[in-house]
Amino acid sequence: MLTDTHTHLCDPVFDADRSEVLKRAADLGVGAVILVGEDLPDAQRNMKLAASHSMLKPAAGLYPAILDQTRAEALHVFIRQACDSLVAIGEVGLDHWVVKQESEKTLQKHIFKGFIDLAQELDLPLNVHSRSAGRHSVALLLECGASRVQLHAFDAKFSAALPAVEAGYFFSIPPSVVRSRQKQKLVKHLPLSCLLVETDSPVLGPTPGERNEPANVRVSIQAIAELKGVREAEVIEAVTENTRKLYGDSI
């Protein structure tokens, strides 16, 4: 069974038909969907949704553009209390697309480091956002000794990804790979042994402007197979094994 390793299914855009969205995914072989969060209310909602839908696996994190140490500390408290129920800390990371000033980048890095340290302490995977900050994110993860890492929708070159590959980190590929030359190049260079699939629902779908959903991990699978010149079954086997390696029995 496939796992969509990064979604925002707590988004209100799914409130009217979330059960139908999950059924469509299950019908295409998706067995688990990881719910990442951008703040404390997201984390709380993810826990409630996971209690109602066995497919859903909750995570908790703080979106990197939220430069608020108090909110970060509140999430630390929540994560410590809920760690036995959470499958990951995420999404967390760096974002240099939104955050431009050096003083703000320093605070962002400090907050991210706090979550890296917490993940190490609790032995939870990190589900990492690194938009326009791929090289910096990888460097900080390595500096802090992070060991269980998923880099979601990585938007840098393979040269920036290589140290993460060597460290055993994983890269999740969204359906937008079908319209992104950067992601296509990345997939061609990355070994199958470090690939996961995600949708980042409701965004990063195969068609710009249309709501994305977990069933579209199949689009990612097909694209990876075509780009690497292998059978879809081989991709499915690889990403399933990689998900097991990173998330263990929690999925």
C-alpha atoms as a PDB file:
ATOM      1  CA  MET A   1       0.000   0.000   0.000  1.00  0.00           C
ATOM      2  CA  LEU A   2       1.257   3.470  -0.891  1.00  0.00           C
ATOM      3  CA  THR A   3       1.729   6.315   1.571  1.00  0.00           C
ATOM      4  CA  ASP A   4       1.145   9.974   0.727  1.00  0.00           C
ATOM      5  CA  THR A   5       3.903  11.321   2.945  1.00  0.00           C
ATOM      6  CA  HIS A   6       2.988  15.028   3.019  1.00  0.00           C
ATOM      7  CA  THR A   7      -0.524  16.498   2.883  1.00  0.00           C
ATOM      8  CA  HIS A   8      -2.604  19.291   4.393  1.00  0.00           C
ATOM      9  CA  LEU A   9      -5.877  17.406   4.556  1.00  0.00           C
ATOM     10  CA  CYS A  10      -6.903  19.446   7.586  1.00  0.00           C
ATOM     11  CA  ASP A  11      -7.392  22.344   5.158  1.00  0.00           C
ATOM     12  CA  PRO A  12     -11.055  23.485   5.148  1.00  0.00           C
ATOM     13  CA  VAL A  13     -11.113  22.990   1.368  1.00  0.00           C
ATOM     14  CA  PHE A  14     -11.579  19.274   2.162  1.00  0.00           C
ATOM     15  CA  ASP A  15     -14.311  19.678   4.779  1.00  0.00           C
ATOM     16  CA  ALA A  16     -17.171  18.977   2.362  1.00  0.00           C
ATOM     17  CA  ASP A  17     -15.814  15.729   0.899  1.00  0.00           C
ATOM     18  CA  ARG A  18     -12.839  14.498   2.937  1.00  0.00           C
ATOM     19  CA  SER A  19     -14.215  10.951   3.213  1.00  0.00           C
ATOM     20  CA  GLU A  20     -14.739  10.756  -0.544  1.00  0.00           C
ATOM     21  CA  VAL A  21     -11.193  12.060  -1.124  1.00  0.00           C
ATOM     22  CA  LEU A  22      -9.825   9.301   1.090  1.00  0.00           C
ATOM     23  CA  LYS A  23     -11.932   6.647  -0.632  1.00  0.00           C
ATOM     24  CA  ARG A  24     -10.593   7.696  -4.043  1.00  0.00           C
ATOM     25  CA  ALA A  25      -7.077   7.374  -2.689  1.00  0.00           C
ATOM     26  CA  ALA A  26      -7.750   3.974  -1.115  1.00  0.00           C
ATOM     27  CA  ASP A  27      -9.259   2.708  -4.367  1.00  0.00           C
ATOM     28  CA  LEU A  28      -5.917   3.491  -6.057  1.00  0.00           C
ATOM     29  CA  GLY A  29      -3.855   1.659  -3.446  1.00  0.00           C
ATOM     30  CA  VAL A  30      -3.087   4.420  -0.949  1.00  0.00           C
ATOM     31  CA  GLY A  31      -3.064   2.939   2.534  1.00  0.00           C
ATOM     32  CA  ALA A  32      -1.845   5.868   4.611  1.00  0.00           C
ATOM     33  CA  VAL A  33      -1.819   9.660   4.407  1.00  0.00           C
ATOM     34  CA  ILE A  34       0.480  11.772   6.585  1.00  0.00           C
ATOM     35  CA  LEU A  35      -1.092  15.003   7.823  1.00  0.00           C
ATOM     36  CA  VAL A  36       1.492  17.727   8.315  1.00  0.00           C
ATOM     37  CA  GLY A  37       0.650  20.919  10.147  1.00  0.00           C
ATOM     38  CA  GLU A  38       1.631  24.570   9.890  1.00  0.00           C
ATOM     39  CA  ASP A  39       0.727  25.656  13.428  1.00  0.00           C
ATOM     40  CA  LEU A  40      -0.788  24.444  16.707  1.00  0.00           C
ATOM     41  CA  PRO A  41      -4.447  24.515  15.531  1.00  0.00           C
ATOM     42  CA  ASP A  42      -3.432  22.358  12.548  1.00  0.00           C
ATOM     43  CA  ALA A  43      -1.716  19.891  14.878  1.00  0.00           C
ATOM     44  CA  GLN A  44      -4.777  19.646  17.092  1.00  0.00           C
ATOM     45  CA  ARG A  45      -7.065  19.169  14.099  1.00  0.00           C
ATOM     46  CA  ASN A  46      -4.751  16.528  12.629  1.00  0.00           C
ATOM     47  CA  MET A  47      -5.051  14.520  15.833  1.00  0.00           C
ATOM     48  CA  LYS A  48      -8.854  14.687  15.698  1.00  0.00           C
ATOM     49  CA  LEU A  49      -8.982  13.727  12.022  1.00  0.00           C
ATOM     50  CA  ALA A  50      -6.649  10.777  12.591  1.00  0.00           C
ATOM     51  CA  ALA A  51      -8.937   9.551  15.361  1.00  0.00           C
ATOM     52  CA  SER A  52     -11.820   9.472  12.857  1.00  0.00           C
ATOM     53  CA  HIS A  53     -10.007   8.038   9.812  1.00  0.00           C
ATOM     54  CA  SER A  54      -7.603   5.127  10.222  1.00  0.00           C
ATOM     55  CA  MET A  55      -5.767   6.073   6.997  1.00  0.00           C
ATOM     56  CA  LEU A  56      -4.701   9.413   8.427  1.00  0.00           C
ATOM     57  CA  LYS A  57      -1.427   9.697  10.357  1.00  0.00           C
ATOM     58  CA  PRO A  58      -0.871  12.961  12.295  1.00  0.00           C
ATOM     59  CA  ALA A  59       2.204  15.174  12.410  1.00  0.00           C
ATOM     60  CA  ALA A  60       2.770  18.560  14.036  1.00  0.00           C
ATOM     61  CA  GLY A  61       4.964  21.452  12.975  1.00  0.00           C
ATOM     62  CA  LEU A  62       5.381  25.176  12.459  1.00  0.00           C
ATOM     63  CA  TYR A  63       5.512  26.630   8.958  1.00  0.00           C
ATOM     64  CA  PRO A  64       8.948  28.229   8.452  1.00  0.00           C
ATOM     65  CA  ALA A  65       7.499  31.631   7.574  1.00  0.00           C
ATOM     66  CA  ILE A  66       6.015  31.853  11.086  1.00  0.00           C
ATOM     67  CA  LEU A  67       8.868  33.562  12.926  1.00  0.00           C
ATOM     68  CA  ASP A  68       7.486  33.319  16.454  1.00  0.00           C
ATOM     69  CA  GLN A  69       9.521  31.628  19.181  1.00  0.00           C
ATOM     70  CA  THR A  70       6.537  31.562  21.553  1.00  0.00           C
ATOM     71  CA  ARG A  71       4.446  29.633  19.032  1.00  0.00           C
ATOM     72  CA  ALA A  72       7.372  27.296  18.413  1.00  0.00           C
ATOM     73  CA  GLU A  73       7.662  26.598  22.139  1.00  0.00           C
ATOM     74  CA  ALA A  74       3.918  25.903  22.356  1.00  0.00           C
ATOM     75  CA  LEU A  75       4.335  23.311  19.611  1.00  0.00           C
ATOM     76  CA  HIS A  76       7.261  21.751  21.469  1.00  0.00           C
ATOM     77  CA  VAL A  77       4.954  21.273  24.455  1.00  0.00           C
ATOM     78  CA  PHE A  78       2.236  19.758  22.261  1.00  0.00           C
ATOM     79  CA  ILE A  79       4.682  17.428  20.490  1.00  0.00           C
ATOM     80  CA  ARG A  80       6.127  16.166  23.779  1.00  0.00           C
ATOM     81  CA  GLN A  81       2.632  15.457  25.093  1.00  0.00           C
ATOM     82  CA  ALA A  82       1.430  13.782  21.880  1.00  0.00           C
ATOM     83  CA  CYS A  83       4.659  12.121  20.736  1.00  0.00           C
ATOM     84  CA  ASP A  84       3.292   8.575  21.088  1.00  0.00           C
ATOM     85  CA  SER A  85       0.526   9.426  18.595  1.00  0.00           C
ATOM     86  CA  LEU A  86       2.534  11.503  16.122  1.00  0.00           C
ATOM     87  CA  VAL A  87       4.352   9.962  13.153  1.00  0.00           C
ATOM     88  CA  ALA A  88       6.574  12.989  12.457  1.00  0.00           C
ATOM     89  CA  ILE A  89       7.491  16.562  13.274  1.00  0.00           C
ATOM     90  CA  GLY A  90       6.483  18.657  10.297  1.00  0.00           C
ATOM     91  CA  GLU A  91       6.301  20.620   8.451  1.00  0.00           C
ATOM     92  CA  VAL A  92       9.310  22.542   9.714  1.00  0.00           C
ATOM     93  CA  GLY A  93      12.378  23.953   8.024  1.00  0.00           C
ATOM     94  CA  LEU A  94      13.691  27.004   6.205  1.00  0.00           C
ATOM     95  CA  ASP A  95      12.063  29.217   3.589  1.00  0.00           C
ATOM     96  CA  HIS A  96      14.190  31.851   1.878  1.00  0.00           C
ATOM     97  CA  TRP A  97      11.504  32.562  -0.709  1.00  0.00           C
ATOM     98  CA  VAL A  98       9.390  34.366   1.869  1.00  0.00           C
ATOM     99  CA  VAL A  99      12.004  35.266   4.477  1.00  0.00           C
ATOM    100  CA  LYS A 100      14.633  37.603   3.021  1.00  0.00           C
ATOM    101  CA  GLN A 101      16.158  39.664   5.845  1.00  0.00           C
ATOM    102  CA  GLU A 102      19.233  38.222   7.529  1.00  0.00           C
ATOM    103  CA  SER A 103      17.905  38.845  11.046  1.00  0.00           C
ATOM    104  CA  GLU A 104      14.734  36.933  10.189  1.00  0.00           C
ATOM    105  CA  LYS A 105      16.726  34.119   8.577  1.00  0.00           C
ATOM    106  CA  THR A 106      18.721  33.818  11.798  1.00  0.00           C
ATOM    107  CA  LEU A 107      15.517  33.465  13.843  1.00  0.00           C
ATOM    108  CA  GLN A 108      14.105  30.985  11.336  1.00  0.00           C
ATOM    109  CA  LYS A 109      17.254  28.889  11.605  1.00  0.00           C
ATOM    110  CA  HIS A 110      17.086  28.989  15.404  1.00  0.00           C
ATOM    111  CA  ILE A 111      13.471  27.778  15.380  1.00  0.00           C
ATOM    112  CA  PHE A 112      14.274  25.011  12.900  1.00  0.00           C
ATOM    113  CA  LYS A 113      17.232  23.879  14.987  1.00  0.00           C
ATOM    114  CA  GLY A 114      14.917  23.587  17.975  1.00  0.00           C
ATOM    115  CA  PHE A 115      12.671  21.204  16.070  1.00  0.00           C
ATOM    116  CA  ILE A 116      15.648  19.202  14.793  1.00  0.00           C
ATOM    117  CA  ASP A 117      16.895  18.754  18.348  1.00  0.00           C
ATOM    118  CA  LEU A 118      13.407  17.775  19.523  1.00  0.00           C
ATOM    119  CA  ALA A 119      13.082  15.191  16.751  1.00  0.00           C
ATOM    120  CA  GLN A 120      16.402  13.672  17.776  1.00  0.00           C
ATOM    121  CA  GLU A 121      15.349  13.578  21.418  1.00  0.00           C
ATOM    122  CA  LEU A 122      11.992  11.914  20.682  1.00  0.00           C
ATOM    123  CA  ASP A 123      13.243   9.772  17.757  1.00  0.00           C
ATOM    124  CA  LEU A 124      10.636  11.172  15.366  1.00  0.00           C
ATOM    125  CA  PRO A 125      11.167  11.769  11.638  1.00  0.00           C
ATOM    126  CA  LEU A 126      11.405  15.333  10.363  1.00  0.00           C
ATOM    127  CA  ASN A 127       9.152  16.341   7.460  1.00  0.00           C
ATOM    128  CA  VAL A 128      11.105  19.298   6.076  1.00  0.00           C
ATOM    129  CA  HIS A 129      10.174  22.354   4.007  1.00  0.00           C
ATOM    130  CA  SER A 130      13.176  23.953   2.281  1.00  0.00           C
ATOM    131  CA  ARG A 131      11.868  26.302  -0.409  1.00  0.00           C
ATOM    132  CA  SER A 132      14.722  28.339  -1.930  1.00  0.00           C
ATOM    133  CA  ALA A 133      16.848  27.112   0.980  1.00  0.00           C
ATOM    134  CA  GLY A 134      17.728  23.552   0.046  1.00  0.00           C
ATOM    135  CA  ARG A 135      21.464  23.804   0.560  1.00  0.00           C
ATOM    136  CA  HIS A 136      21.065  25.698   3.842  1.00  0.00           C
ATOM    137  CA  SER A 137      18.479  23.231   5.145  1.00  0.00           C
ATOM    138  CA  VAL A 138      20.639  20.211   4.370  1.00  0.00           C
ATOM    139  CA  ALA A 139      23.679  21.852   5.952  1.00  0.00           C
ATOM    140  CA  LEU A 140      21.818  22.574   9.199  1.00  0.00           C
ATOM    141  CA  LEU A 141      20.327  19.079   9.356  1.00  0.00           C
ATOM    142  CA  LEU A 142      23.782  17.554   8.953  1.00  0.00           C
ATOM    143  CA  GLU A 143      25.328  19.980  11.438  1.00  0.00           C
ATOM    144  CA  CYS A 144      22.723  18.990  14.041  1.00  0.00           C
ATOM    145  CA  GLY A 145      23.116  15.266  13.393  1.00  0.00           C
ATOM    146  CA  ALA A 146      19.571  14.711  12.144  1.00  0.00           C
ATOM    147  CA  SER A 147      19.103  11.082  11.154  1.00  0.00           C
ATOM    148  CA  ARG A 148      15.450  10.553  10.134  1.00  0.00           C
ATOM    149  CA  VAL A 149      14.651  13.150   7.480  1.00  0.00           C
ATOM    150  CA  GLN A 150      12.193  13.666   4.623  1.00  0.00           C
ATOM    151  CA  LEU A 151      12.860  16.648   2.351  1.00  0.00           C
ATOM    152  CA  HIS A 152       9.502  17.543   0.856  1.00  0.00           C
ATOM    153  CA  ALA A 153       9.207  19.012  -2.664  1.00  0.00           C
ATOM    154  CA  PHE A 154      12.933  19.809  -2.732  1.00  0.00           C
ATOM    155  CA  ASP A 155      13.482  22.681  -5.190  1.00  0.00           C
ATOM    156  CA  ALA A 156      17.275  22.853  -5.393  1.00  0.00           C
ATOM    157  CA  LYS A 157      19.770  21.169  -7.698  1.00  0.00           C
ATOM    158  CA  PHE A 158      21.076  17.640  -7.287  1.00  0.00           C
ATOM    159  CA  SER A 159      24.411  19.033  -6.116  1.00  0.00           C
ATOM    160  CA  ALA A 160      22.588  20.482  -3.086  1.00  0.00           C
ATOM    161  CA  ALA A 161      20.775  17.195  -2.546  1.00  0.00           C
ATOM    162  CA  LEU A 162      23.846  14.949  -2.742  1.00  0.00           C
ATOM    163  CA  PRO A 163      25.042  15.408   0.879  1.00  0.00           C
ATOM    164  CA  ALA A 164      21.522  14.517   2.024  1.00  0.00           C
ATOM    165  CA  VAL A 165      21.506  11.405  -0.164  1.00  0.00           C
ATOM    166  CA  GLU A 166      24.835  10.370   1.351  1.00  0.00           C
ATOM    167  CA  ALA A 167      23.389  10.912   4.843  1.00  0.00           C
ATOM    168  CA  GLY A 168      20.456   8.586   4.102  1.00  0.00           C
ATOM    169  CA  TYR A 169      17.774  11.270   3.893  1.00  0.00           C
ATOM    170  CA  PHE A 170      14.687  10.847   1.722  1.00  0.00           C
ATOM    171  CA  PHE A 171      13.103  13.095  -0.931  1.00  0.00           C
ATOM    172  CA  SER A 172       9.346  13.101  -1.558  1.00  0.00           C
ATOM    173  CA  ILE A 173       8.128  13.800  -5.077  1.00  0.00           C
ATOM    174  CA  PRO A 174       4.801  15.597  -5.649  1.00  0.00           C
ATOM    175  CA  PRO A 175       2.557  15.293  -8.738  1.00  0.00           C
ATOM    176  CA  SER A 176       3.770  18.712  -9.906  1.00  0.00           C
ATOM    177  CA  VAL A 177       6.861  16.853 -11.140  1.00  0.00           C
ATOM    178  CA  VAL A 178       4.984  16.475 -14.443  1.00  0.00           C
ATOM    179  CA  ARG A 179       5.237  20.254 -15.005  1.00  0.00           C
ATOM    180  CA  SER A 180       8.534  21.071 -13.254  1.00  0.00           C
ATOM    181  CA  ARG A 181      11.795  20.730 -15.168  1.00  0.00           C
ATOM    182  CA  GLN A 182      13.722  21.171 -11.912  1.00  0.00           C
ATOM    183  CA  LYS A 183      11.956  18.232 -10.243  1.00  0.00           C
ATOM    184  CA  GLN A 184      12.288  16.107 -13.367  1.00  0.00           C
ATOM    185  CA  LYS A 185      16.060  16.665 -13.368  1.00  0.00           C
ATOM    186  CA  LEU A 186      16.199  15.900  -9.653  1.00  0.00           C
ATOM    187  CA  VAL A 187      14.312  12.614 -10.040  1.00  0.00           C
ATOM    188  CA  LYS A 188      16.608  11.524 -12.862  1.00  0.00           C
ATOM    189  CA  HIS A 189      19.655  11.978 -10.625  1.00  0.00           C
ATOM    190  CA  LEU A 190      18.302  10.738  -7.296  1.00  0.00           C
ATOM    191  CA  PRO A 191      18.520   7.001  -6.635  1.00  0.00           C
ATOM    192  CA  LEU A 192      15.252   5.113  -6.176  1.00  0.00           C
ATOM    193  CA  SER A 193      16.510   4.146  -2.727  1.00  0.00           C
ATOM    194  CA  CYS A 194      15.900   7.673  -1.423  1.00  0.00           C
ATOM    195  CA  LEU A 195      12.551   8.506  -3.041  1.00  0.00           C
ATOM    196  CA  LEU A 196       9.135   8.856  -1.414  1.00  0.00           C
ATOM    197  CA  VAL A 197       5.866  10.143  -2.882  1.00  0.00           C
ATOM    198  CA  GLU A 198       3.683  12.970  -1.627  1.00  0.00           C
ATOM    199  CA  THR A 199       0.960  15.271  -2.915  1.00  0.00           C
ATOM    200  CA  ASP A 200       1.177  18.353  -0.657  1.00  0.00           C
ATOM    201  CA  SER A 201      -2.602  18.430  -1.087  1.00  0.00           C
ATOM    202  CA  PRO A 202      -4.370  20.702  -1.794  1.00  0.00           C
ATOM    203  CA  VAL A 203      -1.468  22.267  -3.768  1.00  0.00           C
ATOM    204  CA  LEU A 204       1.321  20.981  -6.089  1.00  0.00           C
ATOM    205  CA  GLY A 205      -1.065  18.957  -8.215  1.00  0.00           C
ATOM    206  CA  PRO A 206      -0.482  17.936 -11.820  1.00  0.00           C
ATOM    207  CA  THR A 207      -2.676  20.787 -13.089  1.00  0.00           C
ATOM    208  CA  PRO A 208      -2.040  24.354 -11.844  1.00  0.00           C
ATOM    209  CA  GLY A 209      -4.954  25.856  -9.949  1.00  0.00           C
ATOM    210  CA  GLU A 210      -6.806  22.575  -9.411  1.00  0.00           C
ATOM    211  CA  ARG A 211      -7.203  21.099  -5.934  1.00  0.00           C
ATOM    212  CA  ASN A 212      -4.719  18.291  -5.406  1.00  0.00           C
ATOM    213  CA  GLU A 213      -5.575  15.149  -3.425  1.00  0.00           C
ATOM    214  CA  PRO A 214      -3.835  11.958  -2.204  1.00  0.00           C
ATOM    215  CA  ALA A 215      -5.026   9.816  -5.121  1.00  0.00           C
ATOM    216  CA  ASN A 216      -2.541  11.772  -7.233  1.00  0.00           C
ATOM    217  CA  VAL A 217       0.429   9.972  -5.688  1.00  0.00           C
ATOM    218  CA  ARG A 218      -0.196   7.675  -8.647  1.00  0.00           C
ATOM    219  CA  VAL A 219       0.785  10.585 -10.908  1.00  0.00           C
ATOM    220  CA  SER A 220       4.077  10.830  -9.014  1.00  0.00           C
ATOM    221  CA  ILE A 221       4.656   7.077  -9.342  1.00  0.00           C
ATOM    222  CA  GLN A 222       4.044   7.142 -13.087  1.00  0.00           C
ATOM    223  CA  ALA A 223       6.293  10.172 -13.596  1.00  0.00           C
ATOM    224  CA  ILE A 224       9.153   8.661 -11.600  1.00  0.00           C
ATOM    225  CA  ALA A 225       8.912   5.442 -13.589  1.00  0.00           C
ATOM    226  CA  GLU A 226       9.002   7.293 -16.909  1.00  0.00           C
ATOM    227  CA  LEU A 227      11.865   9.580 -15.884  1.00  0.00           C
ATOM    228  CA  LYS A 228      14.002   6.708 -14.611  1.00  0.00           C
ATOM    229  CA  GLY A 229      13.037   4.214 -17.322  1.00  0.00           C
ATOM    230  CA  VAL A 230      11.763   1.555 -14.935  1.00  0.00           C
ATOM    231  CA  ARG A 231       8.447  -0.216 -14.364  1.00  0.00           C
ATOM    232  CA  GLU A 232       5.868   1.405 -12.088  1.00  0.00           C
ATOM    233  CA  ALA A 233       5.907  -1.751  -9.964  1.00  0.00           C
ATOM    234  CA  GLU A 234       9.597  -1.184  -9.268  1.00  0.00           C
ATOM    235  CA  VAL A 235       8.922   2.392  -8.159  1.00  0.00           C
ATOM    236  CA  ILE A 236       6.067   1.272  -5.913  1.00  0.00           C
ATOM    237  CA  GLU A 237       8.247  -1.392  -4.320  1.00  0.00           C
ATOM    238  CA  ALA A 238      11.044   1.123  -3.719  1.00  0.00           C
ATOM    239  CA  VAL A 239       8.943   3.945  -2.261  1.00  0.00           C
ATOM    240  CA  THR A 240       7.045   1.493  -0.056  1.00  0.00           C
ATOM    241  CA  GLU A 241      10.294   0.136   1.359  1.00  0.00           C
ATOM    242  CA  ASN A 242      11.703   3.645   1.780  1.00  0.00           C
ATOM    243  CA  THR A 243       8.590   4.753   3.665  1.00  0.00           C
ATOM    244  CA  ARG A 244       8.951   1.768   5.970  1.00  0.00           C
ATOM    245  CA  LYS A 245      12.603   2.617   6.609  1.00  0.00           C
ATOM    246  CA  LEU A 246      11.821   6.206   7.568  1.00  0.00           C
ATOM    247  CA  TYR A 247       8.520   5.840   9.393  1.00  0.00           C
ATOM    248  CA  GLY A 248       8.757   2.262  10.671  1.00  0.00           C
ATOM    249  CA  ASP A 249       5.679   0.710  12.242  1.00  0.00           C
ATOM    250  CA  SER A 250       3.935   4.063  12.699  1.00  0.00           C
ATOM    251  CA  ILE A 251       2.510   3.886   9.148  1.00  0.00           C
END
